[in-house]
C-alpha atoms as a PDB file:
ATOM      1  CA  MET A   1     -19.913  52.244 -41.967  1.00  0.00           C
ATOM      2  CA  VAL A   2     -16.537  51.312 -43.525  1.00  0.00           C
ATOM      3  CA  LEU A   3     -14.673  53.314 -40.884  1.00  0.00           C
ATOM      4  CA  LEU A   4     -16.807  51.750 -38.195  1.00  0.00           C
ATOM      5  CA  PHE A   5     -15.854  48.213 -39.183  1.00  0.00           C
ATOM      6  CA  LEU A   6     -12.181  49.167 -39.436  1.00  0.00           C
ATOM      7  CA  LEU A   7     -12.347  50.460 -35.888  1.00  0.00           C
ATOM      8  CA  PHE A   8     -13.573  47.050 -34.758  1.00  0.00           C
ATOM      9  CA  PHE A   9     -10.256  45.462 -35.755  1.00  0.00           C
ATOM     10  CA  VAL A  10      -7.873  48.139 -34.536  1.00  0.00           C
ATOM     11  CA  ALA A  11      -5.988  47.320 -31.340  1.00  0.00           C
ATOM     12  CA  THR A  12      -7.320  49.133 -28.292  1.00  0.00           C
ATOM     13  CA  ALA A  13      -6.334  49.474 -24.681  1.00  0.00           C
ATOM     14  CA  ARG A  14      -9.910  49.025 -23.589  1.00  0.00           C
ATOM     15  CA  ALA A  15     -11.439  45.734 -22.454  1.00  0.00           C
ATOM     16  CA  GLU A  16     -11.697  43.074 -25.127  1.00  0.00           C
ATOM     17  CA  LEU A  17     -15.032  42.752 -26.882  1.00  0.00           C
ATOM     18  CA  THR A  18     -15.542  39.722 -29.102  1.00  0.00           C
ATOM     19  CA  ARG A  19     -16.998  40.563 -32.518  1.00  0.00           C
ATOM     20  CA  TYR A  20     -17.587  38.501 -35.643  1.00  0.00           C
ATOM     21  CA  TRP A  21     -18.306  40.295 -38.883  1.00  0.00           C
ATOM     22  CA  THR A  22     -19.291  38.808 -42.255  1.00  0.00           C
ATOM     23  CA  GLY A  23     -20.358  40.463 -45.492  1.00  0.00           C
ATOM     24  CA  ASN A  24     -20.250  43.883 -47.095  1.00  0.00           C
ATOM     25  CA  ALA A  25     -18.699  46.708 -45.040  1.00  0.00           C
ATOM     26  CA  ASP A  26     -20.784  49.448 -46.680  1.00  0.00           C
ATOM     27  CA  ASP A  27     -23.750  50.706 -44.687  1.00  0.00           C
ATOM     28  CA  VAL A  28     -26.939  49.974 -46.618  1.00  0.00           C
ATOM     29  CA  ARG A  29     -29.897  52.269 -46.003  1.00  0.00           C
ATOM     30  CA  PRO A  30     -32.986  50.656 -47.509  1.00  0.00           C
ATOM     31  CA  ARG A  31     -36.493  51.932 -47.048  1.00  0.00           C
ATOM     32  CA  LEU A  32     -37.949  49.953 -44.149  1.00  0.00           C
ATOM     33  CA  HIS A  33     -41.463  48.533 -43.960  1.00  0.00           C
ATOM     34  CA  GLY A  34     -41.707  47.471 -40.302  1.00  0.00           C
ATOM     35  CA  PRO A  35     -41.433  47.621 -37.430  1.00  0.00           C
ATOM     36  CA  LEU A  36     -41.641  43.944 -36.596  1.00  0.00           C
ATOM     37  CA  LEU A  37     -40.927  41.746 -33.579  1.00  0.00           C
ATOM     38  CA  MET A  38     -39.462  38.267 -34.101  1.00  0.00           C
ATOM     39  CA  LEU A  39     -40.410  36.063 -31.142  1.00  0.00           C
ATOM     40  CA  ALA A  40     -38.749  32.637 -31.301  1.00  0.00           C
ATOM     41  CA  GLY A  41     -39.286  29.881 -28.749  1.00  0.00           C
ATOM     42  CA  GLY A  42     -35.837  28.283 -28.998  1.00  0.00           C
ATOM     43  CA  GLY A  43     -34.851  24.733 -29.780  1.00  0.00           C
ATOM     44  CA  GLY A  44     -33.808  25.454 -33.372  1.00  0.00           C
ATOM     45  CA  ASP A  45     -34.228  28.428 -35.658  1.00  0.00           C
ATOM     46  CA  VAL A  46     -37.163  28.698 -38.053  1.00  0.00           C
ATOM     47  CA  THR A  47     -35.633  29.722 -41.356  1.00  0.00           C
ATOM     48  CA  VAL A  48     -38.959  30.266 -43.109  1.00  0.00           C
ATOM     49  CA  GLY A  49     -40.012  32.671 -40.360  1.00  0.00           C
ATOM     50  CA  MET A  50     -36.683  34.481 -40.313  1.00  0.00           C
ATOM     51  CA  GLN A  51     -36.843  34.929 -44.070  1.00  0.00           C
ATOM     52  CA  ALA A  52     -40.434  36.153 -43.816  1.00  0.00           C
ATOM     53  CA  ALA A  53     -39.314  38.783 -41.293  1.00  0.00           C
ATOM     54  CA  ILE A  54     -36.472  39.946 -43.518  1.00  0.00           C
ATOM     55  CA  ASP A  55     -38.808  40.216 -46.498  1.00  0.00           C
ATOM     56  CA  ARG A  56     -41.442  42.065 -44.455  1.00  0.00           C
ATOM     57  CA  VAL A  57     -38.908  44.667 -43.400  1.00  0.00           C
ATOM     58  CA  ARG A  58     -37.490  44.952 -46.931  1.00  0.00           C
ATOM     59  CA  GLY A  59     -41.017  45.226 -48.308  1.00  0.00           C
ATOM     60  CA  CYS A  60     -40.480  42.557 -50.956  1.00  0.00           C
ATOM     61  CA  THR A  61     -39.511  38.958 -51.623  1.00  0.00           C
ATOM     62  CA  GLU A  62     -37.692  39.395 -54.933  1.00  0.00           C
ATOM     63  CA  CYS A  63     -35.855  42.728 -55.052  1.00  0.00           C
ATOM     64  CA  ASP A  64     -32.408  44.202 -54.534  1.00  0.00           C
ATOM     65  CA  ALA A  65     -33.066  45.747 -51.094  1.00  0.00           C
ATOM     66  CA  LYS A  66     -30.635  44.454 -48.473  1.00  0.00           C
ATOM     67  CA  LEU A  67     -30.356  44.653 -44.686  1.00  0.00           C
ATOM     68  CA  ASP A  68     -27.503  44.809 -42.194  1.00  0.00           C
ATOM     69  CA  VAL A  69     -28.019  42.382 -39.296  1.00  0.00           C
ATOM     70  CA  VAL A  70     -26.598  42.721 -35.782  1.00  0.00           C
ATOM     71  CA  VAL A  71     -26.702  39.726 -33.451  1.00  0.00           C
ATOM     72  CA  LEU A  72     -26.341  40.493 -29.748  1.00  0.00           C
ATOM     73  CA  ARG A  73     -25.356  37.739 -27.382  1.00  0.00           C
ATOM     74  CA  ALA A  74     -23.892  37.290 -23.909  1.00  0.00           C
ATOM     75  CA  SER A  75     -22.132  34.013 -24.741  1.00  0.00           C
ATOM     76  CA  GLY A  76     -21.292  31.901 -27.764  1.00  0.00           C
ATOM     77  CA  ALA A  77     -19.641  32.814 -31.037  1.00  0.00           C
ATOM     78  CA  ASP A  78     -20.451  33.425 -34.707  1.00  0.00           C
ATOM     79  CA  GLY A  79     -23.033  30.732 -35.412  1.00  0.00           C
ATOM     80  CA  TYR A  80     -25.591  33.233 -36.704  1.00  0.00           C
ATOM     81  CA  ASN A  81     -23.223  34.832 -39.213  1.00  0.00           C
ATOM     82  CA  PRO A  82     -23.333  32.096 -41.868  1.00  0.00           C
ATOM     83  CA  TYR A  83     -26.983  31.407 -41.021  1.00  0.00           C
ATOM     84  CA  PHE A  84     -28.178  34.940 -41.789  1.00  0.00           C
ATOM     85  CA  MET A  85     -25.780  35.404 -44.704  1.00  0.00           C
ATOM     86  CA  GLU A  86     -27.481  32.528 -46.532  1.00  0.00           C
ATOM     87  CA  MET A  87     -30.783  34.377 -46.468  1.00  0.00           C
ATOM     88  CA  ARG A  88     -32.190  36.466 -49.256  1.00  0.00           C
ATOM     89  CA  GLY A  89     -31.701  40.197 -48.716  1.00  0.00           C
ATOM     90  CA  VAL A  90     -28.924  40.158 -46.080  1.00  0.00           C
ATOM     91  CA  ASP A  91     -25.905  42.378 -46.791  1.00  0.00           C
ATOM     92  CA  SER A  92     -23.840  41.822 -43.638  1.00  0.00           C
ATOM     93  CA  VAL A  93     -23.941  40.227 -40.200  1.00  0.00           C
ATOM     94  CA  LEU A  94     -22.127  41.501 -37.122  1.00  0.00           C
ATOM     95  CA  SER A  95     -22.267  39.347 -33.978  1.00  0.00           C
ATOM     96  CA  MET A  96     -21.124  40.933 -30.720  1.00  0.00           C
ATOM     97  CA  VAL A  97     -20.660  39.139 -27.404  1.00  0.00           C
ATOM     98  CA  ILE A  98     -21.545  41.638 -24.670  1.00  0.00           C
ATOM     99  CA  THR A  99     -20.309  40.614 -21.216  1.00  0.00           C
ATOM    100  CA  ASP A 100     -20.142  43.942 -19.360  1.00  0.00           C
ATOM    101  CA  ARG A 101     -21.967  47.265 -19.242  1.00  0.00           C
ATOM    102  CA  GLU A 102     -18.902  49.187 -20.419  1.00  0.00           C
ATOM    103  CA  SER A 103     -19.073  47.383 -23.763  1.00  0.00           C
ATOM    104  CA  ALA A 104     -22.763  48.240 -24.049  1.00  0.00           C
ATOM    105  CA  ALA A 105     -21.844  51.933 -23.923  1.00  0.00           C
ATOM    106  CA  ARG A 106     -18.942  51.966 -26.383  1.00  0.00           C
ATOM    107  CA  PRO A 107     -19.724  54.466 -29.169  1.00  0.00           C
ATOM    108  CA  GLU A 108     -18.707  52.200 -32.039  1.00  0.00           C
ATOM    109  CA  VAL A 109     -20.790  49.345 -30.652  1.00  0.00           C
ATOM    110  CA  VAL A 110     -23.837  51.543 -30.169  1.00  0.00           C
ATOM    111  CA  GLN A 111     -23.421  52.996 -33.662  1.00  0.00           C
ATOM    112  CA  ALA A 112     -23.252  49.520 -35.210  1.00  0.00           C
ATOM    113  CA  VAL A 113     -26.528  48.579 -33.533  1.00  0.00           C
ATOM    114  CA  ARG A 114     -28.197  51.863 -34.476  1.00  0.00           C
ATOM    115  CA  GLU A 115     -27.286  51.439 -38.148  1.00  0.00           C
ATOM    116  CA  ALA A 116     -28.668  47.889 -38.397  1.00  0.00           C
ATOM    117  CA  GLU A 117     -32.028  47.051 -39.929  1.00  0.00           C
ATOM    118  CA  LEU A 118     -32.448  43.817 -37.958  1.00  0.00           C
ATOM    119  CA  VAL A 119     -31.239  43.179 -34.391  1.00  0.00           C
ATOM    120  CA  PHE A 120     -31.495  39.668 -32.986  1.00  0.00           C
ATOM    121  CA  PHE A 121     -30.771  38.491 -29.414  1.00  0.00           C
ATOM    122  CA  ALA A 122     -29.361  34.973 -29.186  1.00  0.00           C
ATOM    123  CA  GLY A 123     -30.319  32.381 -26.594  1.00  0.00           C
ATOM    124  CA  GLY A 124     -28.531  31.742 -23.325  1.00  0.00           C
ATOM    125  CA  ASP A 125     -29.306  33.304 -19.951  1.00  0.00           C
ATOM    126  CA  GLN A 126     -31.650  36.299 -20.081  1.00  0.00           C
ATOM    127  CA  CYS A 127     -30.327  37.522 -16.744  1.00  0.00           C
ATOM    128  CA  ASN A 128     -27.125  38.480 -18.562  1.00  0.00           C
ATOM    129  CA  TYR A 129     -29.089  40.749 -20.890  1.00  0.00           C
ATOM    130  CA  ILE A 130     -30.620  42.335 -17.792  1.00  0.00           C
ATOM    131  CA  ARG A 131     -27.184  42.812 -16.236  1.00  0.00           C
ATOM    132  CA  TRP A 132     -25.319  44.092 -19.262  1.00  0.00           C
ATOM    133  CA  ILE A 133     -27.780  45.661 -21.730  1.00  0.00           C
ATOM    134  CA  LYS A 134     -30.891  46.850 -19.879  1.00  0.00           C
ATOM    135  CA  GLY A 135     -30.736  50.617 -19.404  1.00  0.00           C
ATOM    136  CA  THR A 136     -27.617  51.075 -21.547  1.00  0.00           C
ATOM    137  CA  PRO A 137     -27.058  52.981 -24.802  1.00  0.00           C
ATOM    138  CA  ILE A 138     -27.382  49.669 -26.675  1.00  0.00           C
ATOM    139  CA  GLU A 139     -30.961  49.314 -25.449  1.00  0.00           C
ATOM    140  CA  ARG A 140     -31.767  52.788 -26.759  1.00  0.00           C
ATOM    141  CA  ALA A 141     -30.071  51.995 -30.071  1.00  0.00           C
ATOM    142  CA  VAL A 142     -32.205  48.859 -30.459  1.00  0.00           C
ATOM    143  CA  GLU A 143     -35.320  50.927 -29.825  1.00  0.00           C
ATOM    144  CA  GLN A 144     -34.223  53.378 -32.529  1.00  0.00           C
ATOM    145  CA  VAL A 145     -33.960  50.532 -35.053  1.00  0.00           C
ATOM    146  CA  TYR A 146     -37.549  49.573 -34.233  1.00  0.00           C
ATOM    147  CA  LYS A 147     -38.748  53.169 -34.575  1.00  0.00           C
ATOM    148  CA  ARG A 148     -37.104  53.359 -38.016  1.00  0.00           C
ATOM    149  CA  GLY A 149     -39.177  50.372 -39.128  1.00  0.00           C
ATOM    150  CA  GLY A 150     -36.645  47.605 -38.553  1.00  0.00           C
ATOM    151  CA  ALA A 151     -37.013  44.139 -37.052  1.00  0.00           C
ATOM    152  CA  ILE A 152     -36.110  43.270 -33.459  1.00  0.00           C
ATOM    153  CA  GLY A 153     -36.199  39.760 -32.111  1.00  0.00           C
ATOM    154  CA  GLY A 154     -34.703  36.975 -30.127  1.00  0.00           C
ATOM    155  CA  THR A 155     -34.805  33.277 -29.417  1.00  0.00           C
ATOM    156  CA  SER A 156     -35.155  31.568 -26.026  1.00  0.00           C
ATOM    157  CA  ALA A 157     -33.466  34.053 -23.638  1.00  0.00           C
ATOM    158  CA  GLY A 158     -33.720  36.626 -26.415  1.00  0.00           C
ATOM    159  CA  LEU A 159     -37.497  36.106 -26.482  1.00  0.00           C
ATOM    160  CA  ALA A 160     -37.800  36.275 -22.701  1.00  0.00           C
ATOM    161  CA  ILE A 161     -36.766  39.964 -22.668  1.00  0.00           C
ATOM    162  CA  MET A 162     -39.270  41.076 -25.329  1.00  0.00           C
ATOM    163  CA  GLY A 163     -42.355  41.394 -23.127  1.00  0.00           C
ATOM    164  CA  GLU A 164     -43.225  44.421 -21.024  1.00  0.00           C
ATOM    165  CA  LEU A 165     -43.152  42.002 -18.103  1.00  0.00           C
ATOM    166  CA  VAL A 166     -39.986  39.896 -18.051  1.00  0.00           C
ATOM    167  CA  TYR A 167     -39.204  36.619 -16.367  1.00  0.00           C
ATOM    168  CA  ASP A 168     -35.577  37.639 -15.933  1.00  0.00           C
ATOM    169  CA  ALA A 169     -34.329  34.417 -14.261  1.00  0.00           C
ATOM    170  CA  CYS A 170     -31.989  36.439 -12.031  1.00  0.00           C
ATOM    171  CA  PRO A 171     -29.734  35.281 -10.613  1.00  0.00           C
ATOM    172  CA  SER A 172     -29.372  32.160 -12.769  1.00  0.00           C
ATOM    173  CA  GLN A 173     -32.755  30.657 -11.882  1.00  0.00           C
ATOM    174  CA  SER A 174     -34.991  28.248 -13.783  1.00  0.00           C
ATOM    175  CA  ALA A 175     -38.566  28.110 -12.523  1.00  0.00           C
ATOM    176  CA  LYS A 176     -40.347  24.746 -12.664  1.00  0.00           C
ATOM    177  CA  SER A 177     -44.130  24.789 -13.032  1.00  0.00           C
ATOM    178  CA  ALA A 178     -44.825  22.171 -10.359  1.00  0.00           C
ATOM    179  CA  GLU A 179     -42.705  23.992  -7.776  1.00  0.00           C
ATOM    180  CA  VAL A 180     -43.756  27.592  -8.338  1.00  0.00           C
ATOM    181  CA  LEU A 181     -47.488  26.803  -8.524  1.00  0.00           C
ATOM    182  CA  LEU A 182     -47.158  25.719  -4.890  1.00  0.00           C
ATOM    183  CA  ASP A 183     -45.344  28.954  -3.994  1.00  0.00           C
ATOM    184  CA  PRO A 184     -45.620  31.877  -6.451  1.00  0.00           C
ATOM    185  CA  PHE A 185     -42.870  33.631  -4.459  1.00  0.00           C
ATOM    186  CA  HIS A 186     -40.453  30.740  -4.856  1.00  0.00           C
ATOM    187  CA  VAL A 187     -36.837  31.876  -5.166  1.00  0.00           C
ATOM    188  CA  ASP A 188     -36.855  30.878  -8.844  1.00  0.00           C
ATOM    189  CA  VAL A 189     -39.583  33.408  -9.733  1.00  0.00           C
ATOM    190  CA  SER A 190     -38.047  36.765 -10.614  1.00  0.00           C
ATOM    191  CA  VAL A 191     -40.270  39.065 -12.684  1.00  0.00           C
ATOM    192  CA  SER A 192     -39.241  42.598 -13.610  1.00  0.00           C
ATOM    193  CA  THR A 193     -40.153  45.515 -15.855  1.00  0.00           C
ATOM    194  CA  GLY A 194     -38.346  48.443 -17.431  1.00  0.00           C
ATOM    195  CA  PHE A 195     -36.560  46.737 -20.317  1.00  0.00           C
ATOM    196  CA  PHE A 196     -38.120  47.062 -23.768  1.00  0.00           C
ATOM    197  CA  GLU A 197     -41.573  48.612 -23.804  1.00  0.00           C
ATOM    198  CA  TRP A 198     -42.937  47.834 -27.253  1.00  0.00           C
ATOM    199  CA  ALA A 199     -46.485  49.165 -27.607  1.00  0.00           C
ATOM    200  CA  SER A 200     -47.652  45.859 -29.100  1.00  0.00           C
ATOM    201  CA  MET A 201     -46.387  43.963 -26.022  1.00  0.00           C
ATOM    202  CA  ARG A 202     -47.989  46.049 -23.272  1.00  0.00           C
ATOM    203  CA  GLY A 203     -49.093  43.840 -20.403  1.00  0.00           C
ATOM    204  CA  VAL A 204     -47.506  40.764 -22.015  1.00  0.00           C
ATOM    205  CA  VAL A 205     -45.040  38.351 -20.439  1.00  0.00           C
ATOM    206  CA  THR A 206     -43.403  35.787 -22.733  1.00  0.00           C
ATOM    207  CA  ASP A 207     -42.176  32.261 -22.120  1.00  0.00           C
ATOM    208  CA  THR A 208     -40.008  29.923 -24.160  1.00  0.00           C
ATOM    209  CA  HIS A 209     -39.681  26.182 -24.980  1.00  0.00           C
ATOM    210  CA  PHE A 210     -43.293  26.329 -23.897  1.00  0.00           C
ATOM    211  CA  GLN A 211     -45.016  23.083 -24.761  1.00  0.00           C
ATOM    212  CA  GLN A 212     -41.888  20.916 -24.668  1.00  0.00           C
ATOM    213  CA  ARG A 213     -40.944  21.942 -21.109  1.00  0.00           C
ATOM    214  CA  ASP A 214     -44.479  22.112 -19.680  1.00  0.00           C
ATOM    215  CA  ARG A 215     -44.279  25.793 -18.823  1.00  0.00           C
ATOM    216  CA  LEU A 216     -47.954  26.713 -18.628  1.00  0.00           C
ATOM    217  CA  GLY A 217     -47.946  26.555 -14.829  1.00  0.00           C
ATOM    218  CA  ARG A 218     -45.006  28.877 -14.406  1.00  0.00           C
ATOM    219  CA  LEU A 219     -46.420  31.314 -16.983  1.00  0.00           C
ATOM    220  CA  LEU A 220     -49.604  31.495 -14.898  1.00  0.00           C
ATOM    221  CA  VAL A 221     -47.455  32.288 -11.866  1.00  0.00           C
ATOM    222  CA  PHE A 222     -45.684  35.072 -13.771  1.00  0.00           C
ATOM    223  CA  LEU A 223     -49.092  36.509 -14.677  1.00  0.00           C
ATOM    224  CA  ALA A 224     -50.304  36.263 -11.101  1.00  0.00           C
ATOM    225  CA  ARG A 225     -47.202  38.054  -9.844  1.00  0.00           C
ATOM    226  CA  SER A 226     -47.681  40.814 -12.440  1.00  0.00           C
ATOM    227  CA  HIS A 227     -51.405  41.408 -12.228  1.00  0.00           C
ATOM    228  CA  GLY A 228     -51.114  44.961 -10.946  1.00  0.00           C
ATOM    229  CA  ARG A 229     -51.280  45.796 -14.659  1.00  0.00           C
ATOM    230  CA  ALA A 230     -54.509  45.100 -16.506  1.00  0.00           C
ATOM    231  CA  PRO A 231     -55.091  43.310 -18.696  1.00  0.00           C
ATOM    232  CA  VAL A 232     -52.214  40.855 -18.491  1.00  0.00           C
ATOM    233  CA  LYS A 233     -51.476  38.202 -21.085  1.00  0.00           C
ATOM    234  CA  GLY A 234     -48.948  35.420 -21.422  1.00  0.00           C
ATOM    235  CA  LEU A 235     -47.394  34.431 -24.734  1.00  0.00           C
ATOM    236  CA  GLY A 236     -45.885  30.939 -24.757  1.00  0.00           C
ATOM    237  CA  VAL A 237     -43.853  30.051 -27.849  1.00  0.00           C
ATOM    238  CA  SER A 238     -42.911  26.422 -28.440  1.00  0.00           C
ATOM    239  CA  GLU A 239     -39.603  25.115 -29.725  1.00  0.00           C
ATOM    240  CA  GLY A 240     -38.969  25.370 -33.447  1.00  0.00           C
ATOM    241  CA  THR A 241     -41.551  28.154 -33.642  1.00  0.00           C
ATOM    242  CA  ILE A 242     -41.418  31.888 -34.290  1.00  0.00           C
ATOM    243  CA  ALA A 243     -44.180  34.479 -34.065  1.00  0.00           C
ATOM    244  CA  LEU A 244     -43.872  37.685 -36.087  1.00  0.00           C
ATOM    245  CA  VAL A 245     -45.758  40.577 -34.478  1.00  0.00           C
ATOM    246  CA  ASP A 246     -46.338  43.998 -36.032  1.00  0.00           C
ATOM    247  CA  ARG A 247     -46.689  47.372 -34.324  1.00  0.00           C
ATOM    248  CA  ASN A 248     -50.412  46.818 -33.773  1.00  0.00           C
ATOM    249  CA  GLY A 249     -50.034  43.452 -32.038  1.00  0.00           C
ATOM    250  CA  ALA A 250     -51.105  41.407 -35.061  1.00  0.00           C
ATOM    251  CA  GLY A 251     -49.041  38.242 -35.341  1.00  0.00           C
ATOM    252  CA  VAL A 252     -48.555  35.137 -37.444  1.00  0.00           C
ATOM    253  CA  VAL A 253     -47.018  31.787 -36.486  1.00  0.00           C
ATOM    254  CA  HIS A 254     -44.223  30.124 -38.477  1.00  0.00           C
ATOM    255  CA  GLY A 255     -42.527  26.778 -37.877  1.00  0.00           C
ATOM    256  CA  ALA A 256     -43.596  23.727 -35.925  1.00  0.00           C
ATOM    257  CA  GLY A 257     -46.012  25.535 -33.595  1.00  0.00           C
ATOM    258  CA  PRO A 258     -47.973  26.024 -31.540  1.00  0.00           C
ATOM    259  CA  VAL A 259     -48.121  29.421 -29.867  1.00  0.00           C
ATOM    260  CA  HIS A 260     -50.319  29.764 -26.773  1.00  0.00           C
ATOM    261  CA  LEU A 261     -51.856  33.050 -25.671  1.00  0.00           C
ATOM    262  CA  VAL A 262     -53.079  33.126 -22.064  1.00  0.00           C
ATOM    263  CA  VAL A 263     -55.570  35.838 -21.080  1.00  0.00           C
ATOM    264  CA  ALA A 264     -56.286  36.624 -17.436  1.00  0.00           C
ATOM    265  CA  GLU A 265     -59.797  38.018 -17.064  1.00  0.00           C
ATOM    266  CA  LYS A 266     -59.464  38.882 -13.377  1.00  0.00           C
ATOM    267  CA  LYS A 267     -56.956  39.065 -10.578  1.00  0.00           C
ATOM    268  CA  PRO A 268     -55.784  35.912  -8.798  1.00  0.00           C
ATOM    269  CA  GLU A 269     -57.786  34.926  -5.738  1.00  0.00           C
ATOM    270  CA  LEU A 270     -54.738  33.875  -3.765  1.00  0.00           C
ATOM    271  CA  VAL A 271     -51.144  34.728  -4.618  1.00  0.00           C
ATOM    272  CA  ALA A 272     -49.118  34.708  -1.427  1.00  0.00           C
ATOM    273  CA  ARG A 273     -45.708  33.682  -0.231  1.00  0.00           C
ATOM    274  CA  GLY A 274     -45.510  30.021   0.684  1.00  0.00           C
ATOM    275  CA  LYS A 275     -49.090  29.237  -0.366  1.00  0.00           C
ATOM    276  CA  PRO A 276     -50.398  27.454  -3.478  1.00  0.00           C
ATOM    277  CA  LEU A 277     -51.764  29.667  -6.220  1.00  0.00           C
ATOM    278  CA  THR A 278     -55.497  30.017  -6.805  1.00  0.00           C
ATOM    279  CA  TYR A 279     -56.285  31.802 -10.062  1.00  0.00           C
ATOM    280  CA  ARG A 280     -59.588  31.580 -11.932  1.00  0.00           C
ATOM    281  CA  GLY A 281     -60.987  33.223 -15.049  1.00  0.00           C
ATOM    282  CA  LEU A 282     -58.179  32.207 -17.439  1.00  0.00           C
ATOM    283  CA  ARG A 283     -58.501  31.531 -21.140  1.00  0.00           C
ATOM    284  CA  VAL A 284     -55.860  29.859 -23.289  1.00  0.00           C
ATOM    285  CA  TYR A 285     -55.845  30.280 -27.084  1.00  0.00           C
ATOM    286  CA  ARG A 286     -53.808  27.946 -29.272  1.00  0.00           C
ATOM    287  CA  PHE A 287     -52.439  28.972 -32.682  1.00  0.00           C
ATOM    288  CA  GLU A 288     -50.771  26.598 -35.126  1.00  0.00           C
ATOM    289  CA  ALA A 289     -48.254  27.303 -37.890  1.00  0.00           C
ATOM    290  CA  GLY A 290     -49.646  29.635 -40.520  1.00  0.00           C
ATOM    291  CA  GLU A 291     -52.353  31.028 -38.255  1.00  0.00           C
ATOM    292  CA  ALA A 292     -52.785  34.669 -37.313  1.00  0.00           C
ATOM    293  CA  PHE A 293     -53.486  36.087 -33.851  1.00  0.00           C
ATOM    294  CA  ASP A 294     -54.007  39.471 -32.225  1.00  0.00           C
ATOM    295  CA  LEU A 295     -52.385  40.331 -28.905  1.00  0.00           C
ATOM    296  CA  ARG A 296     -54.706  43.272 -28.335  1.00  0.00           C
ATOM    297  CA  ARG A 297     -57.971  41.506 -29.158  1.00  0.00           C
ATOM    298  CA  PRO A 298     -57.479  37.777 -28.542  1.00  0.00           C
ATOM    299  CA  ALA A 299     -59.836  35.503 -30.436  1.00  0.00           C
ATOM    300  CA  GLY A 300     -59.767  32.057 -31.973  1.00  0.00           C
ATOM    301  CA  THR A 301     -61.584  28.765 -32.346  1.00  0.00           C
ATOM    302  CA  ARG A 302     -59.148  26.747 -30.226  1.00  0.00           C
ATOM    303  CA  VAL A 303     -59.697  28.273 -26.809  1.00  0.00           C
ATOM    304  CA  LYS A 304     -59.974  26.595 -23.431  1.00  0.00           C
ATOM    305  CA  ALA A 305     -61.102  27.994 -20.079  1.00  0.00           C
ATOM    306  CA  ILE A 306     -58.816  26.911 -17.265  1.00  0.00           C
ATOM    307  CA  GLU A 307     -58.288  27.690 -13.602  1.00  0.00           C
ATOM    308  CA  VAL A 308     -55.719  27.066 -10.910  1.00  0.00           C
ATOM    309  CA  VAL A 309     -56.976  25.900  -7.507  1.00  0.00           C
ATOM    310  CA  ASP A 310     -54.563  25.171  -4.655  1.00  0.00           C
ATOM    311  CA  GLY A 311     -51.653  25.061  -7.076  1.00  0.00           C
ATOM    312  CA  ARG A 312     -53.267  22.643  -9.543  1.00  0.00           C
ATOM    313  CA  VAL A 313     -54.138  23.569 -13.123  1.00  0.00           C
ATOM    314  CA  SER A 314     -57.574  22.251 -14.099  1.00  0.00           C
ATOM    315  CA  SER A 315     -56.459  21.042 -17.545  1.00  0.00           C
ATOM    316  CA  GLU A 316     -53.565  21.275 -19.958  1.00  0.00           C
ATOM    317  CA  PRO A 317     -54.328  23.033 -23.282  1.00  0.00           C
ATOM    318  CA  TYR A 318     -51.410  21.439 -25.141  1.00  0.00           C
END
């Protein structure tokens, strides 16, 4: 990995790619104990959850095993470098700002991702990840890290791309619950598939800043638009919260909480262009910090049955 990092700082005639590297240049190859997904809702990072993820992948809390971290982003700078370097068990951090598909295919970039033990997608606009990373060699490299037992995650926009069903916000949209409940085919609703297909996230669409920005309504619309796949579930992660999910769909909540898991028991009664949504047979589970949940077999004591009739949600489970 020494040669790889040297290549990053050698002048090249190709398009500029912004990189920030901190830490040890040697490639560490610890035994990995994942895989693990890190699903953060945005609005501030949850250090206790991040550290828990690092320790899960290392297989210990107090040992010498170290990880190399790669942060992928479509905007911003090196804010995650000092953040991750302060954590126990981190050997190096490389942040790369990807703003074109050519960069996502560069061999040295792909190799750096492939050799990481933890890959984290920063916040921003998830449509840029769709434009510049979906279907590229970087995507395949990220998947290889997961298969090796590493950790993959993201916050805000980085969380939005982790479900099998993705609210991609293309081009530069921001769906509002009150608007899209009245028209599930509103211009701001853009749902796609074909990005990451983690087995634990089959049939799941995620949403971010969930409780703080009143996003239950729009998550129900995303589910209604995606209900050709059964069963479908929505995972809403609040600000200052991170859910760690293993390969079997078992998760635990860290941070401020809560996490909401929406389960659709049947197809929507009315989901049509220009008409308010009607969607019955919905259950919403709420999980607080420290609580465990299961994406494959949802259960819990805090559960509420809700329905949408003529674009109105019967009750708010916040």
